[in-house]
Amino acid sequence: MPAAPAETAALFHALSDPIRIEVLGLLAGGERCVCDLTAALDVAQSRLSWHLKTLKDAGLVSDRRVGRWSYYTLERGAFERAESALAALKPRPRRLTVQSQGGGCCD
């Protein structure tokens, strides 16, 4: 069953920023501490937190707390939903139909 349009939009919105794409690339190698992400991306922790919240709200990442640190990991299901959403929007092969003169929809 295809995702609701609002869920699909939130998912692709989360994928629309270069920093968030970089975060996902870093997490593709496995779970990472937020401090590691901050250092790898050379961004302020507050800015990274905003991006991580966007990714988390879209279901692309999840986190777990250990003491005062948060560790982030990718959520495989979100990527499967993105693939399904794209597949549902993919143009289908069309058959060329010849309409008779005067029988078109815009006459």
C-alpha atoms as a PDB file:
ATOM      1  CA  MET A   1       0.000   0.000   0.000  1.00  0.00           C
ATOM      2  CA  PRO A   2       1.501   3.386  -0.968  1.00  0.00           C
ATOM      3  CA  ALA A   3       2.306   5.865   1.778  1.00  0.00           C
ATOM      4  CA  ALA A   4       0.101   8.882   2.320  1.00  0.00           C
ATOM      5  CA  PRO A   5       1.210  11.927   0.286  1.00  0.00           C
ATOM      6  CA  ALA A   6       2.100  13.872   3.469  1.00  0.00           C
ATOM      7  CA  GLU A   7       4.363  11.046   4.701  1.00  0.00           C
ATOM      8  CA  THR A   8       6.039  10.795   1.305  1.00  0.00           C
ATOM      9  CA  ALA A   9       6.558  14.565   1.199  1.00  0.00           C
ATOM     10  CA  ALA A  10       8.115  14.550   4.689  1.00  0.00           C
ATOM     11  CA  LEU A  11      10.413  11.720   3.688  1.00  0.00           C
ATOM     12  CA  PHE A  12      11.638  13.464   0.553  1.00  0.00           C
ATOM     13  CA  HIS A  13      11.874  16.813   2.333  1.00  0.00           C
ATOM     14  CA  ALA A  14      14.274  15.169   4.776  1.00  0.00           C
ATOM     15  CA  LEU A  15      16.327  13.980   1.800  1.00  0.00           C
ATOM     16  CA  SER A  16      16.460  17.441   0.229  1.00  0.00           C
ATOM     17  CA  ASP A  17      19.388  18.920   2.143  1.00  0.00           C
ATOM     18  CA  PRO A  18      23.086  18.259   1.471  1.00  0.00           C
ATOM     19  CA  ILE A  19      23.994  18.066   5.161  1.00  0.00           C
ATOM     20  CA  ARG A  20      21.279  15.494   5.805  1.00  0.00           C
ATOM     21  CA  ILE A  21      22.504  13.474   2.826  1.00  0.00           C
ATOM     22  CA  GLU A  22      26.013  13.585   4.308  1.00  0.00           C
ATOM     23  CA  VAL A  23      24.639  12.394   7.668  1.00  0.00           C
ATOM     24  CA  LEU A  24      22.936   9.458   5.966  1.00  0.00           C
ATOM     25  CA  GLY A  25      26.172   8.633   4.144  1.00  0.00           C
ATOM     26  CA  LEU A  26      28.079   8.579   7.417  1.00  0.00           C
ATOM     27  CA  LEU A  27      25.429   6.405   9.043  1.00  0.00           C
ATOM     28  CA  ALA A  28      25.498   3.970   6.135  1.00  0.00           C
ATOM     29  CA  GLY A  29      28.675   2.615   7.714  1.00  0.00           C
ATOM     30  CA  GLY A  30      26.884   1.926  10.999  1.00  0.00           C
ATOM     31  CA  GLU A  31      25.787   3.617  14.187  1.00  0.00           C
ATOM     32  CA  ARG A  32      27.560   6.865  15.071  1.00  0.00           C
ATOM     33  CA  CYS A  33      27.666   9.095  18.137  1.00  0.00           C
ATOM     34  CA  VAL A  34      26.406  12.621  17.637  1.00  0.00           C
ATOM     35  CA  CYS A  35      29.841  13.931  18.623  1.00  0.00           C
ATOM     36  CA  ASP A  36      31.415  11.897  15.790  1.00  0.00           C
ATOM     37  CA  LEU A  37      28.886  13.289  13.321  1.00  0.00           C
ATOM     38  CA  THR A  38      29.544  16.846  14.498  1.00  0.00           C
ATOM     39  CA  ALA A  39      33.293  16.430  14.016  1.00  0.00           C
ATOM     40  CA  ALA A  40      32.975  14.663  10.645  1.00  0.00           C
ATOM     41  CA  LEU A  41      30.649  17.320   9.225  1.00  0.00           C
ATOM     42  CA  ASP A  42      32.352  20.318  10.862  1.00  0.00           C
ATOM     43  CA  VAL A  43      29.003  21.857  11.838  1.00  0.00           C
ATOM     44  CA  ALA A  44      27.760  23.291  15.105  1.00  0.00           C
ATOM     45  CA  GLN A  45      26.045  20.778  17.368  1.00  0.00           C
ATOM     46  CA  SER A  46      22.853  22.872  17.434  1.00  0.00           C
ATOM     47  CA  ARG A  47      22.657  22.923  13.628  1.00  0.00           C
ATOM     48  CA  LEU A  48      23.323  19.187  13.418  1.00  0.00           C
ATOM     49  CA  SER A  49      20.645  18.531  16.042  1.00  0.00           C
ATOM     50  CA  TRP A  50      18.091  20.327  13.862  1.00  0.00           C
ATOM     51  CA  HIS A  51      19.056  18.182  10.855  1.00  0.00           C
ATOM     52  CA  LEU A  52      18.977  14.994  12.925  1.00  0.00           C
ATOM     53  CA  LYS A  53      15.510  15.881  14.203  1.00  0.00           C
ATOM     54  CA  THR A  54      14.301  16.311  10.622  1.00  0.00           C
ATOM     55  CA  LEU A  55      15.731  12.909   9.685  1.00  0.00           C
ATOM     56  CA  LYS A  56      14.264  11.310  12.800  1.00  0.00           C
ATOM     57  CA  ASP A  57      10.816  12.869  12.251  1.00  0.00           C
ATOM     58  CA  ALA A  58      10.838  11.437   8.716  1.00  0.00           C
ATOM     59  CA  GLY A  59      11.712   8.013  10.115  1.00  0.00           C
ATOM     60  CA  LEU A  60      15.060   7.830   8.321  1.00  0.00           C
ATOM     61  CA  VAL A  61      17.119   7.532  11.510  1.00  0.00           C
ATOM     62  CA  SER A  62      16.592   6.447  15.080  1.00  0.00           C
ATOM     63  CA  ASP A  63      18.602   7.229  18.162  1.00  0.00           C
ATOM     64  CA  ARG A  64      19.456   5.733  21.505  1.00  0.00           C
ATOM     65  CA  ARG A  65      20.878   7.465  24.545  1.00  0.00           C
ATOM     66  CA  VAL A  66      23.850   6.236  26.497  1.00  0.00           C
ATOM     67  CA  GLY A  67      24.504   8.580  29.384  1.00  0.00           C
ATOM     68  CA  ARG A  68      24.581  12.053  27.903  1.00  0.00           C
ATOM     69  CA  TRP A  69      25.385  10.928  24.345  1.00  0.00           C
ATOM     70  CA  SER A  70      23.002  10.042  21.543  1.00  0.00           C
ATOM     71  CA  TYR A  71      23.858   7.392  18.976  1.00  0.00           C
ATOM     72  CA  TYR A  72      22.152   7.439  15.585  1.00  0.00           C
ATOM     73  CA  THR A  73      21.477   4.653  13.115  1.00  0.00           C
ATOM     74  CA  LEU A  74      19.636   4.314   9.812  1.00  0.00           C
ATOM     75  CA  GLU A  75      16.139   2.878   9.666  1.00  0.00           C
ATOM     76  CA  ARG A  76      16.013   0.395   6.790  1.00  0.00           C
ATOM     77  CA  GLY A  77      12.220   0.582   6.547  1.00  0.00           C
ATOM     78  CA  ALA A  78      12.331   4.270   5.611  1.00  0.00           C
ATOM     79  CA  PHE A  79      14.500   3.523   2.603  1.00  0.00           C
ATOM     80  CA  GLU A  80      12.125   0.759   1.554  1.00  0.00           C
ATOM     81  CA  ARG A  81       9.239   3.258   1.841  1.00  0.00           C
ATOM     82  CA  ALA A  82      11.178   5.751  -0.299  1.00  0.00           C
ATOM     83  CA  GLU A  83      11.748   3.079  -2.946  1.00  0.00           C
ATOM     84  CA  SER A  84       8.050   2.162  -2.891  1.00  0.00           C
ATOM     85  CA  ALA A  85       7.015   5.809  -3.158  1.00  0.00           C
ATOM     86  CA  LEU A  86       9.259   6.310  -6.182  1.00  0.00           C
ATOM     87  CA  ALA A  87       8.018   3.108  -7.782  1.00  0.00           C
ATOM     88  CA  ALA A  88       4.399   4.242  -7.329  1.00  0.00           C
ATOM     89  CA  LEU A  89       5.199   7.552  -9.039  1.00  0.00           C
ATOM     90  CA  LYS A  90       7.219   6.065 -11.872  1.00  0.00           C
ATOM     91  CA  PRO A  91       5.568   6.648 -15.248  1.00  0.00           C
ATOM     92  CA  ARG A  92       3.967   3.562 -16.691  1.00  0.00           C
ATOM     93  CA  PRO A  93       4.516   2.562 -20.301  1.00  0.00           C
ATOM     94  CA  ARG A  94       1.869   4.210 -22.432  1.00  0.00           C
ATOM     95  CA  ARG A  95       0.187   2.992 -25.541  1.00  0.00           C
ATOM     96  CA  LEU A  96      -0.196   5.561 -28.225  1.00  0.00           C
ATOM     97  CA  THR A  97      -3.870   5.934 -28.947  1.00  0.00           C
ATOM     98  CA  VAL A  98      -5.270   7.656 -31.975  1.00  0.00           C
ATOM     99  CA  GLN A  99      -8.350   9.658 -31.268  1.00  0.00           C
ATOM    100  CA  SER A 100     -10.919  10.156 -33.949  1.00  0.00           C
ATOM    101  CA  GLN A 101     -11.452  13.671 -35.178  1.00  0.00           C
ATOM    102  CA  GLY A 102     -13.991  15.468 -33.041  1.00  0.00           C
ATOM    103  CA  GLY A 103     -13.890  12.803 -30.341  1.00  0.00           C
ATOM    104  CA  GLY A 104     -11.083  14.193 -28.217  1.00  0.00           C
ATOM    105  CA  CYS A 105     -11.484  15.352 -24.660  1.00  0.00           C
ATOM    106  CA  CYS A 106     -10.641  18.971 -25.446  1.00  0.00           C
ATOM    107  CA  ASP A 107     -12.775  19.558 -28.530  1.00  0.00           C
END
